[in-house]
C-alpha atoms as a PDB file:
ATOM      1  CA  MET A   1      16.961  -2.356  23.006  1.00  0.00           C
ATOM      2  CA  ASN A   2      14.878   0.583  24.292  1.00  0.00           C
ATOM      3  CA  LEU A   3      18.052   2.418  25.158  1.00  0.00           C
ATOM      4  CA  LEU A   4      19.620   1.715  21.821  1.00  0.00           C
ATOM      5  CA  ARG A   5      16.305   2.916  20.002  1.00  0.00           C
ATOM      6  CA  GLN A   6      16.338   6.100  22.134  1.00  0.00           C
ATOM      7  CA  LEU A   7      19.917   6.840  21.365  1.00  0.00           C
ATOM      8  CA  ARG A   8      19.251   6.328  17.633  1.00  0.00           C
ATOM      9  CA  LYS A   9      16.307   8.695  17.794  1.00  0.00           C
ATOM     10  CA  THR A  10      18.396  11.313  19.655  1.00  0.00           C
ATOM     11  CA  LEU A  11      21.172  11.188  17.115  1.00  0.00           C
ATOM     12  CA  THR A  12      18.648  11.267  14.232  1.00  0.00           C
ATOM     13  CA  PHE A  13      16.829  14.219  15.365  1.00  0.00           C
ATOM     14  CA  GLY A  14      20.107  16.005  16.526  1.00  0.00           C
ATOM     15  CA  GLY A  15      21.552  15.502  13.046  1.00  0.00           C
ATOM     16  CA  LEU A  16      18.412  16.797  11.328  1.00  0.00           C
ATOM     17  CA  ARG A  17      18.431  19.903  13.487  1.00  0.00           C
ATOM     18  CA  ILE A  18      22.165  20.643  12.764  1.00  0.00           C
ATOM     19  CA  GLY A  19      21.582  19.983   9.054  1.00  0.00           C
ATOM     20  CA  MET A  20      18.756  22.368   8.984  1.00  0.00           C
ATOM     21  CA  GLU A  21      20.791  24.996  10.896  1.00  0.00           C
ATOM     22  CA  LEU A  22      23.918  24.672   8.681  1.00  0.00           C
ATOM     23  CA  ALA A  23      21.620  24.890   5.496  1.00  0.00           C
ATOM     24  CA  ARG A  24      20.095  27.977   6.792  1.00  0.00           C
ATOM     25  CA  ARG A  25      23.218  29.655   7.651  1.00  0.00           C
ATOM     26  CA  THR A  26      24.936  29.220   4.313  1.00  0.00           C
ATOM     27  CA  ASP A  27      24.274  30.796   1.008  1.00  0.00           C
ATOM     28  CA  ARG A  28      26.372  28.310  -1.011  1.00  0.00           C
ATOM     29  CA  ASN A  29      24.987  25.692  -3.148  1.00  0.00           C
ATOM     30  CA  GLY A  30      28.266  23.632  -2.818  1.00  0.00           C
ATOM     31  CA  VAL A  31      27.970  23.171   1.002  1.00  0.00           C
ATOM     32  CA  VAL A  32      24.762  21.367   0.629  1.00  0.00           C
ATOM     33  CA  GLU A  33      26.030  19.239  -2.308  1.00  0.00           C
ATOM     34  CA  SER A  34      29.070  18.326  -0.220  1.00  0.00           C
ATOM     35  CA  MET A  35      26.663  17.250   2.428  1.00  0.00           C
ATOM     36  CA  ARG A  36      24.965  15.235   0.035  1.00  0.00           C
ATOM     37  CA  ARG A  37      28.140  13.453  -1.127  1.00  0.00           C
ATOM     38  CA  VAL A  38      29.071  12.620   2.510  1.00  0.00           C
ATOM     39  CA  LEU A  39      25.625  11.187   3.247  1.00  0.00           C
ATOM     40  CA  LEU A  40      25.841   8.941   0.071  1.00  0.00           C
ATOM     41  CA  ALA A  41      29.346   7.749   1.083  1.00  0.00           C
ATOM     42  CA  LEU A  42      27.893   6.953   4.607  1.00  0.00           C
ATOM     43  CA  THR A  43      25.190   4.937   3.151  1.00  0.00           C
ATOM     44  CA  ARG A  44      27.624   2.779   1.081  1.00  0.00           C
ATOM     45  CA  THR A  45      29.536   1.769   4.248  1.00  0.00           C
ATOM     46  CA  ALA A  46      26.653   1.628   6.712  1.00  0.00           C
ATOM     47  CA  LEU A  47      26.620  -2.243   6.596  1.00  0.00           C
ATOM     48  CA  PRO A  48      23.868  -2.836   9.326  1.00  0.00           C
ATOM     49  CA  LEU A  49      21.583  -0.413   7.518  1.00  0.00           C
ATOM     50  CA  ARG A  50      22.161  -2.060   4.185  1.00  0.00           C
ATOM     51  CA  MET A  51      21.829  -5.502   5.548  1.00  0.00           C
ATOM     52  CA  ARG A  52      18.463  -4.495   7.154  1.00  0.00           C
ATOM     53  CA  LEU A  53      17.244  -2.816   3.910  1.00  0.00           C
ATOM     54  CA  ALA A  54      18.227  -5.794   1.709  1.00  0.00           C
ATOM     55  CA  LYS A  55      16.578  -8.277   4.022  1.00  0.00           C
ATOM     56  CA  ASN A  56      13.288  -6.259   3.834  1.00  0.00           C
ATOM     57  CA  MET A  57      13.389  -5.866   0.024  1.00  0.00           C
ATOM     58  CA  LYS A  58      14.200  -9.729  -0.370  1.00  0.00           C
ATOM     59  CA  LEU A  59      11.356 -10.699   1.856  1.00  0.00           C
ATOM     60  CA  ALA A  60       9.020  -8.344  -0.129  1.00  0.00           C
ATOM     61  CA  GLY A  61      10.092 -10.020  -3.251  1.00  0.00           C
ATOM     62  CA  VAL A  62      11.491  -6.889  -4.975  1.00  0.00           C
ATOM     63  CA  PHE A  63      15.258  -7.142  -4.447  1.00  0.00           C
ATOM     64  CA  ARG A  64      17.522  -6.742  -7.449  1.00  0.00           C
ATOM     65  CA  PRO A  65      21.127  -5.628  -8.000  1.00  0.00           C
ATOM     66  CA  GLY A  66      21.784  -2.025  -7.516  1.00  0.00           C
ATOM     67  CA  LEU A  67      18.564  -1.455  -5.696  1.00  0.00           C
ATOM     68  CA  LEU A  68      20.144  -0.571  -2.344  1.00  0.00           C
ATOM     69  CA  ASP A  69      22.242   2.225  -3.906  1.00  0.00           C
ATOM     70  CA  ALA A  70      19.257   3.521  -5.904  1.00  0.00           C
ATOM     71  CA  HIS A  71      17.066   3.673  -2.764  1.00  0.00           C
ATOM     72  CA  PHE A  72      19.602   5.564  -0.794  1.00  0.00           C
ATOM     73  CA  ALA A  73      20.228   7.983  -3.661  1.00  0.00           C
ATOM     74  CA  ARG A  74      16.622   8.879  -3.622  1.00  0.00           C
ATOM     75  CA  ALA A  75      16.356   8.994   0.206  1.00  0.00           C
ATOM     76  CA  VAL A  76      19.527  11.319   0.257  1.00  0.00           C
ATOM     77  CA  ASP A  77      18.103  13.528  -2.537  1.00  0.00           C
ATOM     78  CA  GLN A  78      15.116  14.003  -0.405  1.00  0.00           C
ATOM     79  CA  MET A  79      17.267  15.345   2.436  1.00  0.00           C
ATOM     80  CA  ALA A  80      19.380  17.470   0.032  1.00  0.00           C
ATOM     81  CA  MET A  81      16.160  19.017  -1.485  1.00  0.00           C
ATOM     82  CA  LEU A  82      15.090  19.959   2.030  1.00  0.00           C
ATOM     83  CA  ALA A  83      18.495  21.515   2.762  1.00  0.00           C
ATOM     84  CA  HIS A  84      18.291  23.589  -0.373  1.00  0.00           C
ATOM     85  CA  VAL A  85      14.867  24.756   0.750  1.00  0.00           C
ATOM     86  CA  PHE A  86      16.281  25.897   4.022  1.00  0.00           C
ATOM     87  CA  ARG A  87      19.302  27.425   2.293  1.00  0.00           C
ATOM     88  CA  ALA A  88      17.698  29.534  -0.349  1.00  0.00           C
ATOM     89  CA  GLY A  89      13.896  29.304  -0.035  1.00  0.00           C
ATOM     90  CA  PHE A  90      11.656  27.173  -2.117  1.00  0.00           C
ATOM     91  CA  ALA A  91      11.888  29.330  -5.231  1.00  0.00           C
ATOM     92  CA  GLY A  92      15.782  29.297  -5.113  1.00  0.00           C
ATOM     93  CA  SER A  93      16.158  25.704  -4.007  1.00  0.00           C
ATOM     94  CA  GLY A  94      16.206  24.160  -7.535  1.00  0.00           C
ATOM     95  CA  CYS A  95      13.284  21.779  -6.486  1.00  0.00           C
ATOM     96  CA  PRO A  96      10.642  23.014  -8.951  1.00  0.00           C
ATOM     97  CA  GLU A  97      12.986  22.164 -11.856  1.00  0.00           C
ATOM     98  CA  LYS A  98      13.461  18.610 -10.741  1.00  0.00           C
ATOM     99  CA  PHE A  99       9.783  17.726 -11.003  1.00  0.00           C
ATOM    100  CA  LYS A 100       7.983  17.205 -14.368  1.00  0.00           C
ATOM    101  CA  PHE A 101       4.322  16.909 -14.989  1.00  0.00           C
ATOM    102  CA  ASP A 102       2.770  14.926 -17.787  1.00  0.00           C
ATOM    103  CA  GLY A 103      -0.619  15.031 -19.411  1.00  0.00           C
ATOM    104  CA  SER A 104      -2.216  13.298 -16.482  1.00  0.00           C
ATOM    105  CA  VAL A 105      -2.190  16.503 -14.493  1.00  0.00           C
ATOM    106  CA  ARG A 106      -5.336  17.392 -16.266  1.00  0.00           C
ATOM    107  CA  LEU A 107      -7.239  14.812 -14.057  1.00  0.00           C
ATOM    108  CA  LEU A 108      -6.264  16.717 -10.964  1.00  0.00           C
ATOM    109  CA  GLU A 109      -7.017  20.104 -12.574  1.00  0.00           C
ATOM    110  CA  GLN A 110     -10.481  19.032 -13.592  1.00  0.00           C
ATOM    111  CA  ALA A 111     -11.293  17.514 -10.318  1.00  0.00           C
ATOM    112  CA  TYR A 112     -10.274  20.718  -8.532  1.00  0.00           C
ATOM    113  CA  ALA A 113     -12.283  22.744 -11.012  1.00  0.00           C
ATOM    114  CA  ALA A 114     -15.595  21.227  -9.976  1.00  0.00           C
ATOM    115  CA  GLY A 115     -15.363  23.518  -7.003  1.00  0.00           C
ATOM    116  CA  LYS A 116     -15.658  21.010  -4.147  1.00  0.00           C
ATOM    117  CA  GLY A 117     -12.189  20.933  -3.068  1.00  0.00           C
ATOM    118  CA  VAL A 118      -9.846  18.012  -4.008  1.00  0.00           C
ATOM    119  CA  ILE A 119      -8.126  15.318  -1.847  1.00  0.00           C
ATOM    120  CA  ASN A 120      -4.545  14.462  -3.426  1.00  0.00           C
ATOM    121  CA  ILE A 121      -2.996  11.229  -1.985  1.00  0.00           C
ATOM    122  CA  SER A 122       0.149   9.456  -2.413  1.00  0.00           C
ATOM    123  CA  PRO A 123       2.244   6.884  -0.591  1.00  0.00           C
ATOM    124  CA  HIS A 124       5.352   8.024   1.319  1.00  0.00           C
ATOM    125  CA  ILE A 125       7.802   8.268  -1.742  1.00  0.00           C
ATOM    126  CA  CYS A 126      11.052  10.126  -1.734  1.00  0.00           C
ATOM    127  CA  GLY A 127      10.313  13.698  -2.186  1.00  0.00           C
ATOM    128  CA  TYR A 128       6.944  13.878  -0.564  1.00  0.00           C
ATOM    129  CA  PRO A 129       7.827  16.766   1.839  1.00  0.00           C
ATOM    130  CA  VAL A 130       8.404  19.130  -1.166  1.00  0.00           C
ATOM    131  CA  TYR A 131       5.508  17.992  -3.240  1.00  0.00           C
ATOM    132  CA  ALA A 132       2.988  20.343  -1.908  1.00  0.00           C
ATOM    133  CA  PRO A 133       4.689  23.614  -2.855  1.00  0.00           C
ATOM    134  CA  ILE A 134       5.615  21.945  -6.327  1.00  0.00           C
ATOM    135  CA  ILE A 135       1.762  21.655  -7.020  1.00  0.00           C
ATOM    136  CA  SER A 136       0.728  24.890  -5.439  1.00  0.00           C
ATOM    137  CA  PRO A 137       1.485  27.249  -8.181  1.00  0.00           C
ATOM    138  CA  ARG A 138      -1.186  25.215 -10.091  1.00  0.00           C
ATOM    139  CA  ILE A 139      -3.557  24.509  -7.310  1.00  0.00           C
ATOM    140  CA  PRO A 140      -3.569  25.915  -3.781  1.00  0.00           C
ATOM    141  CA  CYS A 141      -2.480  23.049  -1.617  1.00  0.00           C
ATOM    142  CA  SER A 142      -2.850  22.428   2.135  1.00  0.00           C
ATOM    143  CA  ILE A 143      -0.695  19.707   4.052  1.00  0.00           C
ATOM    144  CA  TYR A 144      -2.333  17.658   6.530  1.00  0.00           C
ATOM    145  CA  LEU A 145       0.241  17.182   9.232  1.00  0.00           C
ATOM    146  CA  ARG A 146      -0.311  14.371  11.716  1.00  0.00           C
ATOM    147  CA  ARG A 147       0.460  15.206  15.381  1.00  0.00           C
ATOM    148  CA  ASN A 148       3.540  13.209  16.350  1.00  0.00           C
ATOM    149  CA  LYS A 149       3.844  12.065  19.858  1.00  0.00           C
ATOM    150  CA  ASP A 150       7.418  13.065  19.882  1.00  0.00           C
ATOM    151  CA  PRO A 151       7.613  16.948  20.159  1.00  0.00           C
ATOM    152  CA  ARG A 152      11.099  16.912  18.536  1.00  0.00           C
ATOM    153  CA  LYS A 153       9.755  15.263  15.396  1.00  0.00           C
ATOM    154  CA  MET A 154       6.639  17.579  15.296  1.00  0.00           C
ATOM    155  CA  ARG A 155       8.897  20.733  15.422  1.00  0.00           C
ATOM    156  CA  ILE A 156      10.985  19.347  12.561  1.00  0.00           C
ATOM    157  CA  ASN A 157       7.904  18.473  10.396  1.00  0.00           C
ATOM    158  CA  GLU A 158       6.466  21.960  11.079  1.00  0.00           C
ATOM    159  CA  ALA A 159       9.821  23.583  10.121  1.00  0.00           C
ATOM    160  CA  ILE A 160       9.966  21.431   6.860  1.00  0.00           C
ATOM    161  CA  GLY A 161       6.426  22.477   5.954  1.00  0.00           C
ATOM    162  CA  LEU A 162       6.781  26.127   6.630  1.00  0.00           C
ATOM    163  CA  ALA A 163      10.202  26.243   4.924  1.00  0.00           C
ATOM    164  CA  GLY A 164       8.455  25.073   1.602  1.00  0.00           C
ATOM    165  CA  LYS A 165       5.702  27.763   2.091  1.00  0.00           C
ATOM    166  CA  GLY A 166       3.320  25.054   2.750  1.00  0.00           C
ATOM    167  CA  HIS A 167      -0.065  25.827   4.328  1.00  0.00           C
ATOM    168  CA  LEU A 168      -0.211  23.475   7.205  1.00  0.00           C
ATOM    169  CA  VAL A 169      -3.159  22.103   8.966  1.00  0.00           C
ATOM    170  CA  TYR A 170      -3.330  19.676  11.912  1.00  0.00           C
ATOM    171  CA  PRO A 171      -5.568  18.591  14.654  1.00  0.00           C
ATOM    172  CA  PRO A 172      -5.409  19.972  18.308  1.00  0.00           C
ATOM    173  CA  LYS A 173      -3.444  17.868  20.762  1.00  0.00           C
ATOM    174  CA  GLY A 174      -5.545  14.980  21.822  1.00  0.00           C
ATOM    175  CA  ALA A 175      -8.111  15.329  19.163  1.00  0.00           C
ATOM    176  CA  THR A 176     -10.566  12.502  18.622  1.00  0.00           C
ATOM    177  CA  ARG A 177     -10.893  10.746  15.201  1.00  0.00           C
ATOM    178  CA  ALA A 178     -13.756  12.813  14.412  1.00  0.00           C
ATOM    179  CA  GLU A 179     -12.047  16.000  15.342  1.00  0.00           C
ATOM    180  CA  ARG A 180      -9.098  15.044  13.139  1.00  0.00           C
ATOM    181  CA  LEU A 181     -11.479  14.471  10.342  1.00  0.00           C
ATOM    182  CA  GLN A 182     -13.330  17.784  10.858  1.00  0.00           C
ATOM    183  CA  VAL A 183      -9.899  19.721  10.480  1.00  0.00           C
ATOM    184  CA  ALA A 184      -9.374  18.218   7.080  1.00  0.00           C
ATOM    185  CA  ILE A 185     -12.973  18.640   6.077  1.00  0.00           C
ATOM    186  CA  ASP A 186     -12.866  22.346   6.922  1.00  0.00           C
ATOM    187  CA  VAL A 187     -10.033  22.743   4.373  1.00  0.00           C
ATOM    188  CA  LEU A 188     -12.090  21.029   1.477  1.00  0.00           C
ATOM    189  CA  ARG A 189     -15.124  23.093   2.293  1.00  0.00           C
ATOM    190  CA  ARG A 190     -13.023  26.150   1.616  1.00  0.00           C
ATOM    191  CA  GLY A 191     -12.376  24.786  -1.919  1.00  0.00           C
ATOM    192  CA  ARG A 192      -8.617  23.961  -1.395  1.00  0.00           C
ATOM    193  CA  MET A 193      -6.591  20.946  -2.278  1.00  0.00           C
ATOM    194  CA  LEU A 194      -5.593  18.740   0.709  1.00  0.00           C
ATOM    195  CA  PHE A 195      -2.449  16.477   0.326  1.00  0.00           C
ATOM    196  CA  ILE A 196      -2.284  13.423   2.576  1.00  0.00           C
ATOM    197  CA  THR A 197      -0.075  10.268   2.529  1.00  0.00           C
ATOM    198  CA  PRO A 198      -2.459   7.793   3.943  1.00  0.00           C
ATOM    199  CA  ASP A 199      -0.219   4.604   3.706  1.00  0.00           C
ATOM    200  CA  THR A 200       0.532   4.507   7.446  1.00  0.00           C
ATOM    201  CA  PRO A 201      -0.411   1.072   8.839  1.00  0.00           C
ATOM    202  CA  ARG A 202      -2.950   0.884  11.558  1.00  0.00           C
ATOM    203  CA  LYS A 203      -4.091  -1.564  14.148  1.00  0.00           C
ATOM    204  CA  ALA A 204      -6.722  -4.036  12.965  1.00  0.00           C
ATOM    205  CA  HIS A 205      -9.552  -2.118  14.760  1.00  0.00           C
ATOM    206  CA  GLN A 206      -8.495   1.213  13.085  1.00  0.00           C
ATOM    207  CA  GLY A 207      -8.499   0.326   9.521  1.00  0.00           C
ATOM    208  CA  ILE A 208      -9.503  -2.327   6.904  1.00  0.00           C
ATOM    209  CA  PRO A 209      -7.319  -5.196   5.629  1.00  0.00           C
ATOM    210  CA  VAL A 210      -5.485  -4.605   2.277  1.00  0.00           C
ATOM    211  CA  THR A 211      -2.644  -6.439   0.627  1.00  0.00           C
ATOM    212  CA  ILE A 212       0.587  -4.774   0.073  1.00  0.00           C
ATOM    213  CA  LEU A 213       3.876  -6.591  -0.778  1.00  0.00           C
ATOM    214  CA  GLY A 214       2.180  -9.847  -0.300  1.00  0.00           C
ATOM    215  CA  ARG A 215       1.241  -8.862   3.420  1.00  0.00           C
ATOM    216  CA  THR A 216      -2.132  -7.991   5.034  1.00  0.00           C
ATOM    217  CA  VAL A 217      -1.935  -4.458   6.229  1.00  0.00           C
ATOM    218  CA  TYR A 218      -4.642  -2.530   7.900  1.00  0.00           C
ATOM    219  CA  PHE A 219      -5.158   0.911   6.155  1.00  0.00           C
ATOM    220  CA  PRO A 220      -7.177   3.939   7.346  1.00  0.00           C
ATOM    221  CA  THR A 221     -10.184   4.828   5.376  1.00  0.00           C
ATOM    222  CA  GLY A 222     -10.364   8.564   6.524  1.00  0.00           C
ATOM    223  CA  VAL A 223      -9.579  10.163   3.143  1.00  0.00           C
ATOM    224  CA  PHE A 224     -12.578   8.318   1.504  1.00  0.00           C
ATOM    225  CA  VAL A 225     -14.765   9.118   4.347  1.00  0.00           C
ATOM    226  CA  MET A 226     -14.036  12.737   4.087  1.00  0.00           C
ATOM    227  CA  SER A 227     -14.766  12.387   0.225  1.00  0.00           C
ATOM    228  CA  MET A 228     -18.182  11.019   0.983  1.00  0.00           C
ATOM    229  CA  ARG A 229     -19.026  13.793   3.449  1.00  0.00           C
ATOM    230  CA  THR A 230     -17.753  16.607   1.267  1.00  0.00           C
ATOM    231  CA  GLY A 231     -18.247  15.422  -2.341  1.00  0.00           C
ATOM    232  CA  SER A 232     -14.624  16.288  -2.937  1.00  0.00           C
ATOM    233  CA  PRO A 233     -12.905  13.831  -5.345  1.00  0.00           C
ATOM    234  CA  VAL A 234      -9.882  11.867  -4.362  1.00  0.00           C
ATOM    235  CA  VAL A 235      -6.943  12.021  -6.918  1.00  0.00           C
ATOM    236  CA  PRO A 236      -4.030   9.441  -6.490  1.00  0.00           C
ATOM    237  CA  THR A 237      -0.491  10.544  -7.285  1.00  0.00           C
ATOM    238  CA  VAL A 238       2.884   8.959  -7.683  1.00  0.00           C
ATOM    239  CA  TRP A 239       6.255   9.972  -9.154  1.00  0.00           C
ATOM    240  CA  HIS A 240       9.414   8.296  -9.987  1.00  0.00           C
ATOM    241  CA  TRP A 241      13.022   9.235 -10.914  1.00  0.00           C
ATOM    242  CA  ASP A 242      14.201   9.064 -14.524  1.00  0.00           C
ATOM    243  CA  ASN A 243      16.743  10.883 -16.558  1.00  0.00           C
ATOM    244  CA  GLY A 244      17.546  13.457 -13.884  1.00  0.00           C
ATOM    245  CA  ALA A 245      13.983  14.419 -12.853  1.00  0.00           C
ATOM    246  CA  TYR A 246      10.910  13.212 -10.805  1.00  0.00           C
ATOM    247  CA  HIS A 247       8.051  12.455 -13.293  1.00  0.00           C
ATOM    248  CA  ILE A 248       4.644  12.969 -11.717  1.00  0.00           C
ATOM    249  CA  ARG A 249       1.550  11.105 -12.765  1.00  0.00           C
ATOM    250  CA  TYR A 250      -2.026  11.079 -11.581  1.00  0.00           C
ATOM    251  CA  GLY A 251      -4.634   8.314 -11.638  1.00  0.00           C
ATOM    252  CA  GLN A 252      -8.354   8.447 -12.246  1.00  0.00           C
ATOM    253  CA  PRO A 253     -10.191  10.330  -9.467  1.00  0.00           C
ATOM    254  CA  PHE A 254     -12.570   8.576  -6.993  1.00  0.00           C
ATOM    255  CA  GLU A 255     -15.765  10.471  -7.007  1.00  0.00           C
ATOM    256  CA  PRO A 256     -18.408   9.489  -4.384  1.00  0.00           C
ATOM    257  CA  THR A 257     -21.853   8.283  -5.488  1.00  0.00           C
ATOM    258  CA  ARG A 258     -24.517  10.009  -3.483  1.00  0.00           C
ATOM    259  CA  GLY A 259     -27.180   7.541  -2.366  1.00  0.00           C
ATOM    260  CA  GLY A 260     -24.774   4.639  -2.434  1.00  0.00           C
ATOM    261  CA  ARG A 261     -23.626   2.490   0.387  1.00  0.00           C
ATOM    262  CA  ILE A 262     -21.043   4.551   2.224  1.00  0.00           C
ATOM    263  CA  LYS A 263     -19.266   1.769   3.901  1.00  0.00           C
ATOM    264  CA  GLN A 264     -18.921  -0.367   0.739  1.00  0.00           C
ATOM    265  CA  GLN A 265     -17.703   2.618  -1.338  1.00  0.00           C
ATOM    266  CA  VAL A 266     -15.218   3.575   1.282  1.00  0.00           C
ATOM    267  CA  GLU A 267     -13.713   0.143   1.648  1.00  0.00           C
ATOM    268  CA  SER A 268     -13.745  -0.514  -2.174  1.00  0.00           C
ATOM    269  CA  ALA A 269     -11.921   2.771  -2.742  1.00  0.00           C
ATOM    270  CA  THR A 270      -9.280   2.159  -0.095  1.00  0.00           C
ATOM    271  CA  ARG A 271      -8.538  -1.410  -1.465  1.00  0.00           C
ATOM    272  CA  LYS A 272      -8.372  -0.173  -4.933  1.00  0.00           C
ATOM    273  CA  TRP A 273      -5.799   2.542  -3.899  1.00  0.00           C
ATOM    274  CA  ALA A 274      -3.744  -0.082  -1.934  1.00  0.00           C
ATOM    275  CA  GLN A 275      -3.643  -2.206  -5.171  1.00  0.00           C
ATOM    276  CA  SER A 276      -2.138   0.756  -7.022  1.00  0.00           C
ATOM    277  CA  VAL A 277       0.328   1.421  -4.223  1.00  0.00           C
ATOM    278  CA  ASP A 278       1.403  -2.289  -4.358  1.00  0.00           C
ATOM    279  CA  ALA A 279       1.927  -2.022  -8.197  1.00  0.00           C
ATOM    280  CA  PHE A 280       3.905   1.159  -7.881  1.00  0.00           C
ATOM    281  CA  LEU A 281       6.102  -0.443  -5.063  1.00  0.00           C
ATOM    282  CA  HIS A 282       6.888  -3.420  -7.454  1.00  0.00           C
ATOM    283  CA  GLU A 283       7.647  -1.108 -10.328  1.00  0.00           C
ATOM    284  CA  HIS A 284       9.768   1.490  -8.500  1.00  0.00           C
ATOM    285  CA  PRO A 285      10.777  -0.027  -5.161  1.00  0.00           C
ATOM    286  CA  GLU A 286      13.719   2.582  -4.812  1.00  0.00           C
ATOM    287  CA  MET A 287      11.214   5.366  -4.449  1.00  0.00           C
ATOM    288  CA  TRP A 288       9.513   4.123  -1.266  1.00  0.00           C
ATOM    289  CA  TRP A 289      10.766   6.107   1.775  1.00  0.00           C
ATOM    290  CA  ASN A 290       9.380   3.530   4.249  1.00  0.00           C
ATOM    291  CA  TRP A 291      11.574   0.589   3.604  1.00  0.00           C
ATOM    292  CA  LEU A 292      13.279   1.045   6.942  1.00  0.00           C
ATOM    293  CA  ASP A 293      10.310   2.212   8.832  1.00  0.00           C
ATOM    294  CA  LYS A 294       9.966   0.058  12.035  1.00  0.00           C
ATOM    295  CA  ARG A 295       6.192  -0.625  11.496  1.00  0.00           C
ATOM    296  CA  TRP A 296       6.640  -1.647   7.976  1.00  0.00           C
ATOM    297  CA  THR A 297       9.856  -3.698   8.951  1.00  0.00           C
ATOM    298  CA  ARG A 298       7.725  -5.626  11.374  1.00  0.00           C
ATOM    299  CA  ILE A 299       4.923  -6.165   8.741  1.00  0.00           C
ATOM    300  CA  ILE A 300       7.346  -7.361   6.085  1.00  0.00           C
ATOM    301  CA  ARG A 301       9.243  -9.583   8.411  1.00  0.00           C
ATOM    302  CA  GLU A 302       6.199 -11.191  10.070  1.00  0.00           C
ATOM    303  CA  GLY A 303       4.468 -11.762   6.829  1.00  0.00           C
END
């Protein structure tokens, strides 16, 4: 099993690097769109992958006809958007035109205008690697990049962030939890916006229990700890695909109360955000990038 997993990772990273290089070396929109069509065709014939995805969605209670193809369409679209960014730069990629803001963006703008920095969070939903440069024309946005143990994936993540003109921040190698928090806090104290996707499951001693898809999951509380320390509000974000565009909406900010009990505020805010993520996944399950993630697969199947 370890050999098969290692082979899959090698093929995945090799394919990503090849795709990135092909996109960089072509100035033709049609080449990337041809790659999109090939990938979509592969997802329709990759029976083991489809069976795994279907089982996860059924166990999570969200499966419905057409959902597999809808999810793969969004996942392939994320890869195509990134390829267009490598091909033509962010401004010429066509990505900005695919995202639409509604009136709720004022919640983010008002939170940022307070001058304490702002933490913008979302789950891992398809399109998240290009979100930061989408919002940056409105609000200067930094991306918190977790250090991956696999240097190949780390290099790919960095290349994606830089291709999108992202301002990347990440902790030094071997950083402690306190040092990781400090890297993010420094961004906020400079008055910038920090974008984080904090729906990565943790071990029981590293987070607090929340309920997602009917399962108990341990979520990190770091974003709300940072909020308490800096006074920066936390603004949740989601987006979904409809009528040829991704529609972004923002939720009410979490604003820390000075003098309150920090642990209670942090845990309450984390659970409230988890509830909103759960509601979003039931409403738009096709949007979640993590359906095939090995950690989430284990959580869904052991639940």
